[in-house]
Protein backbone atom coordinates (compact mmCIF):
# COMPACT_ATOMS: atom_id res chain seq x y z
CA MET A 1 -110.83 -40.66 97.74
CA GLY A 2 -109.74 -41.17 101.38
CA LYS A 3 -106.38 -41.80 102.91
CA GLU A 4 -106.93 -45.60 102.59
CA ASP A 5 -106.98 -45.34 98.88
CA LEU A 6 -103.75 -43.29 98.73
CA ARG A 7 -101.92 -46.07 100.66
CA LYS A 8 -102.57 -48.26 97.76
CA VAL A 9 -100.09 -46.16 95.54
CA LYS A 10 -97.37 -48.57 95.82
CA LEU A 11 -94.30 -46.62 94.90
CA LYS A 12 -91.19 -46.83 97.10
CA ILE A 13 -88.40 -44.27 97.70
CA GLY A 14 -85.64 -45.45 95.24
CA SER A 15 -87.89 -46.88 92.61
CA VAL A 16 -87.40 -45.91 89.01
CA VAL A 17 -90.34 -44.89 86.65
CA LYS A 18 -89.98 -45.21 83.03
CA ASN A 19 -86.32 -46.29 83.31
CA GLN A 20 -85.41 -42.71 83.79
CA TRP A 21 -86.97 -40.87 86.93
CA GLN A 22 -85.78 -42.13 90.52
CA ILE A 23 -88.01 -41.33 93.38
CA LEU A 24 -86.15 -39.43 96.02
CA ARG A 25 -88.87 -38.62 98.66
CA ARG A 26 -92.61 -38.01 99.22
CA ILE A 27 -93.24 -34.22 99.22
CA GLY A 28 -97.04 -34.02 99.34
CA GLU A 29 -100.32 -35.58 99.65
CA GLY A 30 -103.72 -34.19 98.21
CA GLY A 31 -107.28 -35.32 97.94
CA TYR A 32 -106.53 -37.25 94.82
CA GLY A 33 -103.02 -38.58 95.00
CA LEU A 34 -99.38 -38.49 96.11
CA VAL A 35 -96.48 -36.30 94.89
CA PHE A 36 -92.96 -37.28 94.85
CA GLN A 37 -89.61 -35.61 94.23
CA VAL A 38 -87.79 -37.37 91.33
CA VAL A 39 -84.37 -36.89 89.82
CA ASN A 40 -83.66 -37.60 86.09
CA MET A 41 -80.97 -40.39 86.23
CA GLN A 42 -79.71 -39.42 82.84
CA ASN A 43 -79.16 -35.81 83.98
CA PRO A 44 -78.76 -35.84 87.82
CA ILE A 45 -79.00 -31.95 88.13
CA GLN A 46 -82.53 -31.99 86.68
CA MET A 47 -85.11 -32.50 89.47
CA ALA A 48 -89.03 -32.82 88.89
CA ALA A 49 -92.27 -33.49 90.77
CA MET A 50 -94.11 -36.68 90.00
CA LYS A 51 -97.79 -36.67 90.66
CA THR A 52 -99.61 -40.05 91.16
CA GLU A 53 -103.29 -41.32 91.61
CA PRO A 54 -104.57 -44.78 92.14
CA ILE A 55 -105.49 -46.58 88.99
CA GLY A 56 -109.03 -47.78 88.64
CA MET A 57 -110.72 -44.50 89.65
CA LEU A 58 -113.88 -43.59 88.04
CA SER A 59 -113.35 -41.42 84.93
CA ASP A 60 -115.02 -38.45 86.59
CA ASP A 61 -112.50 -38.57 89.37
CA GLN A 62 -109.29 -38.82 87.23
CA ILE A 63 -107.91 -35.45 87.92
CA LEU A 64 -104.41 -36.26 86.47
CA LYS A 65 -105.80 -37.00 83.03
CA MET A 66 -107.38 -33.58 82.88
CA GLU A 67 -104.14 -32.04 84.39
CA VAL A 68 -101.89 -33.66 81.70
CA HIS A 69 -104.21 -32.46 79.05
CA VAL A 70 -104.19 -28.84 80.28
CA LEU A 71 -100.50 -28.81 80.62
CA LYS A 72 -99.90 -30.10 77.12
CA LYS A 73 -102.00 -27.26 75.77
CA LEU A 74 -99.70 -24.95 77.83
CA ASP A 75 -96.62 -26.52 76.48
CA LYS A 76 -95.22 -23.21 75.07
CA SER A 77 -95.98 -21.20 78.16
CA LYS A 78 -93.07 -19.98 80.35
CA HIS A 79 -95.40 -19.88 83.22
CA ALA A 80 -96.66 -23.48 83.22
CA CYS A 81 -95.01 -26.67 84.52
CA LYS A 82 -93.16 -28.57 81.84
CA ILE A 83 -94.28 -32.24 81.44
CA TYR A 84 -91.47 -34.78 81.00
CA ALA A 85 -93.65 -37.96 80.83
CA ALA A 86 -97.06 -39.00 81.55
CA GLY A 87 -98.83 -42.35 81.39
CA LYS A 88 -99.06 -44.16 78.16
CA ARG A 89 -100.88 -47.05 76.53
CA PHE A 90 -100.40 -49.24 73.51
CA THR A 91 -101.91 -48.09 70.28
CA LEU A 92 -104.94 -49.95 68.83
CA SER A 93 -102.79 -51.55 66.13
CA THR A 94 -100.38 -53.09 68.75
CA SER A 95 -103.07 -54.01 71.09
CA VAL A 96 -104.95 -56.00 68.55
CA LYS A 97 -101.96 -57.70 67.18
CA LEU A 98 -100.90 -58.72 70.75
CA CYS A 99 -104.36 -60.02 71.38
CA MET A 100 -104.16 -62.09 68.19
CA GLN A 101 -100.78 -63.61 69.25
CA CYS A 102 -102.00 -64.35 72.65
CA LEU A 103 -105.21 -65.96 71.24
CA GLU A 104 -103.17 -68.16 69.00
CA GLY A 105 -101.02 -69.36 72.03
CA ILE A 106 -104.16 -69.99 74.06
CA GLU A 107 -105.77 -71.93 71.19
CA ASP A 108 -102.62 -74.19 70.99
CA LEU A 109 -102.92 -74.84 74.74
CA HIS A 110 -106.58 -75.75 74.55
CA ASN A 111 -105.91 -77.95 71.41
CA VAL A 112 -103.79 -80.13 73.68
CA GLY A 113 -106.41 -80.31 76.36
CA PHE A 114 -105.30 -77.73 78.81
CA ILE A 115 -106.75 -74.56 80.33
CA HIS A 116 -104.34 -71.92 81.45
CA ARG A 117 -106.32 -70.35 84.20
CA ASP A 118 -104.34 -67.32 84.68
CA VAL A 119 -104.05 -65.49 81.48
CA LYS A 120 -102.66 -61.88 81.86
CA PRO A 121 -99.84 -59.75 80.32
CA SER A 122 -97.11 -60.94 82.52
CA ASN A 123 -97.58 -64.48 81.52
CA PHE A 124 -96.88 -63.85 77.80
CA ALA A 125 -93.46 -62.98 76.17
CA MET A 126 -94.71 -60.71 73.38
CA GLY A 127 -93.22 -59.84 70.12
CA ARG A 128 -92.66 -61.17 66.75
CA LYS A 129 -92.26 -64.65 68.24
CA PRO A 130 -94.74 -64.67 71.17
CA SER A 131 -94.60 -67.27 73.98
CA ILE A 132 -96.93 -68.19 76.69
CA PHE A 133 -95.72 -69.28 79.87
CA ASP A 134 -96.52 -69.83 83.64
CA GLU A 135 -97.92 -73.41 83.11
CA LYS A 136 -97.82 -74.21 86.68
CA GLY A 137 -101.58 -73.46 87.11
CA ASN A 138 -102.66 -75.24 83.91
CA MET A 139 -105.29 -77.78 84.30
CA LYS A 140 -106.53 -80.61 82.03
CA LEU A 141 -110.05 -80.41 80.70
CA ARG A 142 -112.12 -82.70 82.71
CA GLU A 143 -115.68 -83.30 84.07
CA PRO A 144 -116.42 -80.02 85.86
CA ARG A 145 -116.49 -79.90 89.58
CA LYS A 146 -119.53 -78.34 91.23
CA THR A 147 -117.44 -75.81 93.16
CA ALA A 148 -113.92 -74.88 92.18
CA PRO A 149 -111.46 -72.88 94.18
CA PHE A 150 -110.57 -69.33 93.18
CA ARG A 151 -107.60 -69.54 90.77
CA GLY A 152 -106.12 -66.63 88.87
CA THR A 153 -105.74 -62.95 89.14
CA ILE A 154 -108.60 -60.71 90.14
CA ARG A 155 -108.09 -57.94 87.50
CA TYR A 156 -108.21 -60.43 84.68
CA CYS A 157 -110.40 -63.42 85.76
CA SER A 158 -113.92 -64.07 84.50
CA ILE A 159 -117.02 -63.74 86.49
CA ASN A 160 -117.26 -67.58 86.36
CA VAL A 161 -113.97 -67.59 88.49
CA HIS A 162 -115.43 -65.25 91.10
CA ARG A 163 -118.39 -67.51 91.36
CA HIS A 164 -116.23 -70.56 91.90
CA ASP A 165 -117.27 -72.25 88.67
CA GLU A 166 -114.82 -74.76 86.98
CA GLN A 167 -112.67 -72.80 84.56
CA GLY A 168 -113.19 -73.78 80.96
CA ARG A 169 -111.72 -72.65 77.74
CA HIS A 170 -114.01 -69.49 77.52
CA ASP A 171 -112.66 -68.24 80.86
CA ASP A 172 -109.15 -68.00 79.36
CA LEU A 173 -110.80 -65.92 76.53
CA TRP A 174 -112.71 -63.61 79.01
CA SER A 175 -109.28 -62.98 80.52
CA LEU A 176 -107.75 -62.12 77.23
CA LEU A 177 -110.53 -59.78 76.32
CA TYR A 178 -110.08 -57.85 79.62
CA MET A 179 -106.30 -57.80 78.98
CA THR A 180 -106.71 -56.30 75.54
CA VAL A 181 -109.16 -53.67 76.71
CA GLU A 182 -106.71 -52.59 79.35
CA MET A 183 -103.90 -52.54 76.72
CA ILE A 184 -106.12 -50.07 74.51
CA LEU A 185 -107.62 -48.01 77.30
CA GLY A 186 -104.83 -47.93 79.61
CA THR A 187 -106.91 -49.33 82.69
CA LEU A 188 -110.06 -51.37 83.84
CA PRO A 189 -112.63 -49.99 86.10
CA TRP A 190 -112.18 -52.52 88.73
CA ARG A 191 -108.35 -52.53 88.75
CA SER A 192 -107.91 -51.41 92.34
CA MET A 193 -110.87 -53.22 93.71
CA ASP A 194 -111.01 -56.31 95.91
CA ARG A 195 -112.66 -59.59 94.74
CA THR A 196 -116.09 -58.85 95.61
CA HIS A 197 -116.26 -55.46 94.25
CA ALA A 198 -114.32 -56.36 91.15
CA GLU A 199 -116.96 -59.04 90.55
CA ASN A 200 -119.97 -56.66 90.83
CA CYS A 201 -118.18 -54.22 88.55
CA LYS A 202 -117.48 -56.80 85.89
CA ALA A 203 -121.12 -58.02 86.04
CA ASN A 204 -122.47 -54.49 85.59
CA SER A 205 -120.08 -52.97 82.98
CA GLU A 206 -119.59 -55.51 80.28
CA GLU A 207 -121.09 -53.43 77.36
CA LYS A 208 -119.79 -50.09 78.85
CA LEU A 209 -116.28 -51.49 78.95
CA ILE A 210 -116.11 -51.77 75.31
CA SER A 211 -118.55 -48.89 74.45
CA ASN A 212 -115.80 -46.91 72.68
CA LEU A 213 -113.94 -49.71 71.00
CA PRO A 214 -114.47 -51.02 67.48
CA MET A 215 -117.73 -52.86 66.74
CA GLU A 216 -115.91 -56.16 66.38
CA PHE A 217 -115.11 -56.21 70.16
CA HIS A 218 -118.92 -56.37 70.77
CA VAL A 219 -119.12 -59.37 68.52
CA PHE A 220 -116.10 -60.92 70.52
CA LEU A 221 -118.10 -60.30 73.75
CA LYS A 222 -121.39 -61.61 72.44
CA HIS A 223 -119.57 -64.86 71.44
CA LEU A 224 -117.93 -65.28 74.83
CA LYS A 225 -121.45 -64.72 76.49
CA LYS A 226 -122.82 -67.68 74.55
CA LEU A 227 -120.15 -70.07 75.67
CA ASN A 228 -120.10 -72.33 78.82
CA TYR A 229 -117.63 -75.07 80.06
CA ASN A 230 -118.36 -77.66 77.39
CA HIS A 231 -118.28 -75.32 74.35
CA LYS A 232 -115.40 -74.98 72.18
CA PRO A 233 -114.64 -71.37 71.30
CA ASP A 234 -114.85 -70.31 67.66
CA TYR A 235 -110.99 -69.30 67.45
CA ASN A 236 -111.30 -68.62 63.86
CA LEU A 237 -114.23 -66.18 64.29
CA LEU A 238 -112.30 -64.19 66.93
CA LYS A 239 -109.15 -64.02 64.85
CA SER A 240 -111.14 -62.83 61.94
CA LEU A 241 -112.68 -60.02 63.95
CA LEU A 242 -109.27 -58.88 65.19
CA LYS A 243 -108.19 -58.91 61.46
CA GLN A 244 -111.15 -56.81 60.52
CA ILE A 245 -110.27 -54.22 62.96
CA LEU A 246 -106.73 -53.90 61.57
CA LYS A 247 -108.15 -53.68 57.99
CA LYS A 248 -110.71 -51.07 59.01
CA GLU A 249 -108.17 -48.82 60.71
CA ASN A 250 -105.70 -49.23 57.64
CA HIS A 251 -103.18 -51.27 59.76
CA SER A 252 -101.69 -54.68 58.95
CA LEU A 253 -99.88 -57.41 60.80
CA ALA A 254 -96.67 -56.33 59.15
CA ASP A 255 -96.77 -52.76 60.97
CA PRO A 256 -94.29 -52.11 63.63
CA TYR A 257 -95.15 -52.61 67.19
CA ASP A 258 -95.09 -49.51 69.35
CA TRP A 259 -91.70 -50.45 70.64
CA GLU A 260 -90.00 -51.34 67.38
CA PRO A 261 -88.19 -48.79 65.23
CA ASP A 262 -90.70 -46.58 63.58
CA GLY A 263 -93.24 -47.56 66.29
CA LYS A 264 -95.25 -44.90 67.99
CA HIS A 265 -93.19 -45.27 71.42
CA ALA A 266 -89.91 -46.33 69.75
CA SER A 267 -88.05 -43.43 71.24
CA LYS A 268 -88.85 -44.44 74.85
CA PHE A 269 -87.93 -47.95 74.33
CA ASN A 270 -84.59 -46.98 72.65
CA ARG A 271 -83.50 -45.61 76.12
CA LEU A 272 -83.94 -49.16 77.79
């Protein structure tokens, strides 16, 4: 990684991380990331160092992931740095349930004849009563244009969008799949790439992307690959696949979300 990549770490002095750690100053730069001095806003006399690296790095280059793993093993050692916080992701249960909620919202939109065209996490208010918003980019289903302008978010848009094809119902679902994979794995391989490189990465990593996920995601992907602009997705099939995952993993729709009382990360959200 060169200095050009490090500049993409978009953290500013004064920013607050995890609603607890405020960045005071940059104190170092290495081959793999930046180091900042931070202060615990709940206990101002407590200072710490925060190490960062750009998201989207190849797994072999993710030094922080290994460093966190080793430091957790050394948790009881008085000679090792203490970890106060490290990057988190949603559990499989929460990710699948959120995917199902979003799928139902997208289906409702499609059933009244519209395509969202920018499906991504920030365009959903997720919870027990989910909502989909940011309708300014919605488009009514119509005869497809031969060439369509790029519309959406590089990280989540389908390959069809990169190729300037007219967006259809299946493209919203490609975005939903990418979004769900990110919730489960914590990142997407093309997250920091520009439009051209992201397109190439998506085209060459479809199966690899879900290789460590439940088999049902392979069926989900296979269904999407069969669809074109005029096809109506089989929403019931996709919802049944998500329900199968929950059943196989001994989860249910009634289980708490990660941020709810008794959820995996409840203690972190209780501080908000």
